[in-house]
């Protein structure tokens, strides 16, 4: 089963842009997922279990490295075409 997730990260620190870029870079270490980022969020897609496992790992790493931060996520089971635009 496929899963798409829209993620917004709000680090509770002044250097928030570097933390967001760090997180996106971590997502890029997973060759089996698709990632698209725009000015408001990052969307990832792939196998349900793979996506959920990487989110658990990378969200935990973010909190361990940077402390408090807020993740806002939308989960779409079955996935969506991340390349679609109108």
C-alpha atoms as a PDB file:
ATOM      1  CA  UNK A   1       0.000   0.000   0.000  1.00  0.00           C
ATOM      2  CA  UNK A   2       1.237   3.473  -0.872  1.00  0.00           C
ATOM      3  CA  UNK A   3       1.209   6.499   1.446  1.00  0.00           C
ATOM      4  CA  UNK A   4       1.690  10.198   0.803  1.00  0.00           C
ATOM      5  CA  UNK A   5       2.443  12.616   3.630  1.00  0.00           C
ATOM      6  CA  UNK A   6       2.564  16.399   3.627  1.00  0.00           C
ATOM      7  CA  UNK A   7       4.918  17.606   6.366  1.00  0.00           C
ATOM      8  CA  UNK A   8       5.457  21.067   7.808  1.00  0.00           C
ATOM      9  CA  UNK A   9       8.183  21.475  10.430  1.00  0.00           C
ATOM     10  CA  UNK A  10       8.179  24.437  12.801  1.00  0.00           C
ATOM     11  CA  UNK A  11      11.405  24.407  14.854  1.00  0.00           C
ATOM     12  CA  UNK A  12      11.054  26.506  17.986  1.00  0.00           C
ATOM     13  CA  UNK A  13      14.427  28.185  17.458  1.00  0.00           C
ATOM     14  CA  UNK A  14      15.778  31.270  15.708  1.00  0.00           C
ATOM     15  CA  UNK A  15      17.830  29.225  13.204  1.00  0.00           C
ATOM     16  CA  UNK A  16      14.718  27.465  11.914  1.00  0.00           C
ATOM     17  CA  UNK A  17      15.687  27.472   8.214  1.00  0.00           C
ATOM     18  CA  UNK A  18      18.874  25.494   8.789  1.00  0.00           C
ATOM     19  CA  UNK A  19      16.942  22.938  10.853  1.00  0.00           C
ATOM     20  CA  UNK A  20      14.293  22.544   8.136  1.00  0.00           C
ATOM     21  CA  UNK A  21      17.016  22.095   5.491  1.00  0.00           C
ATOM     22  CA  UNK A  22      18.708  19.534   7.743  1.00  0.00           C
ATOM     23  CA  UNK A  23      15.453  17.577   8.027  1.00  0.00           C
ATOM     24  CA  UNK A  24      14.841  17.649   4.258  1.00  0.00           C
ATOM     25  CA  UNK A  25      18.398  16.464   3.685  1.00  0.00           C
ATOM     26  CA  UNK A  26      17.738  13.532   5.986  1.00  0.00           C
ATOM     27  CA  UNK A  27      14.649  12.612   3.965  1.00  0.00           C
ATOM     28  CA  UNK A  28      16.791  12.538   0.828  1.00  0.00           C
ATOM     29  CA  UNK A  29      18.790   9.637   2.296  1.00  0.00           C
ATOM     30  CA  UNK A  30      15.860   7.311   1.551  1.00  0.00           C
ATOM     31  CA  UNK A  31      16.091   6.195  -2.101  1.00  0.00           C
ATOM     32  CA  UNK A  32      12.732   4.412  -2.043  1.00  0.00           C
ATOM     33  CA  UNK A  33      10.639   7.517  -1.399  1.00  0.00           C
ATOM     34  CA  UNK A  34       9.688  10.450  -3.567  1.00  0.00           C
ATOM     35  CA  UNK A  35      10.121  13.962  -2.117  1.00  0.00           C
ATOM     36  CA  UNK A  36       8.870  17.332  -3.316  1.00  0.00           C
ATOM     37  CA  UNK A  37       9.359  20.546  -1.348  1.00  0.00           C
ATOM     38  CA  UNK A  38       7.777  23.948  -1.842  1.00  0.00           C
ATOM     39  CA  UNK A  39       7.723  27.138   0.230  1.00  0.00           C
ATOM     40  CA  UNK A  40       5.146  25.811   2.677  1.00  0.00           C
ATOM     41  CA  UNK A  41       5.717  22.081   3.104  1.00  0.00           C
ATOM     42  CA  UNK A  42       7.422  18.911   1.985  1.00  0.00           C
ATOM     43  CA  UNK A  43       5.533  16.006   0.493  1.00  0.00           C
ATOM     44  CA  UNK A  44       6.876  12.469   0.562  1.00  0.00           C
ATOM     45  CA  UNK A  45       5.449   9.320  -0.932  1.00  0.00           C
ATOM     46  CA  UNK A  46       6.254   5.651  -1.030  1.00  0.00           C
ATOM     47  CA  UNK A  47       5.487   2.327   0.557  1.00  0.00           C
ATOM     48  CA  UNK A  48       3.327   2.792   3.670  1.00  0.00           C
ATOM     49  CA  UNK A  49       5.645   0.920   6.049  1.00  0.00           C
ATOM     50  CA  UNK A  50       8.761   2.616   4.672  1.00  0.00           C
ATOM     51  CA  UNK A  51       7.286   6.107   4.996  1.00  0.00           C
ATOM     52  CA  UNK A  52       5.982   5.519   8.537  1.00  0.00           C
ATOM     53  CA  UNK A  53       9.315   4.034   9.666  1.00  0.00           C
ATOM     54  CA  UNK A  54      11.344   6.910   8.242  1.00  0.00           C
ATOM     55  CA  UNK A  55       9.026   9.462   9.854  1.00  0.00           C
ATOM     56  CA  UNK A  56       9.472   7.811  13.252  1.00  0.00           C
ATOM     57  CA  UNK A  57      13.252   7.762  12.823  1.00  0.00           C
ATOM     58  CA  UNK A  58      13.678  11.278  11.439  1.00  0.00           C
ATOM     59  CA  UNK A  59      11.183  13.028  13.698  1.00  0.00           C
ATOM     60  CA  UNK A  60      12.922  11.470  16.699  1.00  0.00           C
ATOM     61  CA  UNK A  61      16.338  12.522  15.331  1.00  0.00           C
ATOM     62  CA  UNK A  62      15.045  16.066  14.871  1.00  0.00           C
ATOM     63  CA  UNK A  63      13.846  16.289  18.471  1.00  0.00           C
ATOM     64  CA  UNK A  64      17.051  14.725  19.796  1.00  0.00           C
ATOM     65  CA  UNK A  65      19.272  17.109  17.806  1.00  0.00           C
ATOM     66  CA  UNK A  66      17.292  20.335  17.940  1.00  0.00           C
ATOM     67  CA  UNK A  67      14.940  20.063  20.896  1.00  0.00           C
ATOM     68  CA  UNK A  68      11.402  21.277  20.675  1.00  0.00           C
ATOM     69  CA  UNK A  69       9.729  21.620  17.311  1.00  0.00           C
ATOM     70  CA  UNK A  70       6.289  21.111  15.869  1.00  0.00           C
ATOM     71  CA  UNK A  71       5.508  18.709  13.024  1.00  0.00           C
ATOM     72  CA  UNK A  72       2.189  19.106  11.210  1.00  0.00           C
ATOM     73  CA  UNK A  73       1.425  16.181   8.905  1.00  0.00           C
ATOM     74  CA  UNK A  74      -1.371  15.153   6.569  1.00  0.00           C
ATOM     75  CA  UNK A  75      -1.525  11.452   5.707  1.00  0.00           C
ATOM     76  CA  UNK A  76      -3.133  10.235   2.486  1.00  0.00           C
ATOM     77  CA  UNK A  77      -3.358   6.428   2.287  1.00  0.00           C
ATOM     78  CA  UNK A  78      -3.141   5.086  -1.228  1.00  0.00           C
ATOM     79  CA  UNK A  79      -0.820   7.918  -2.197  1.00  0.00           C
ATOM     80  CA  UNK A  80      -1.173  10.767  -4.660  1.00  0.00           C
ATOM     81  CA  UNK A  81       0.778  11.825  -7.729  1.00  0.00           C
ATOM     82  CA  UNK A  82       3.363  14.217  -6.238  1.00  0.00           C
ATOM     83  CA  UNK A  83       4.302  15.397  -9.733  1.00  0.00           C
ATOM     84  CA  UNK A  84       0.788  16.698 -10.427  1.00  0.00           C
ATOM     85  CA  UNK A  85       0.267  20.438 -10.732  1.00  0.00           C
ATOM     86  CA  UNK A  86      -2.383  22.664 -12.264  1.00  0.00           C
END
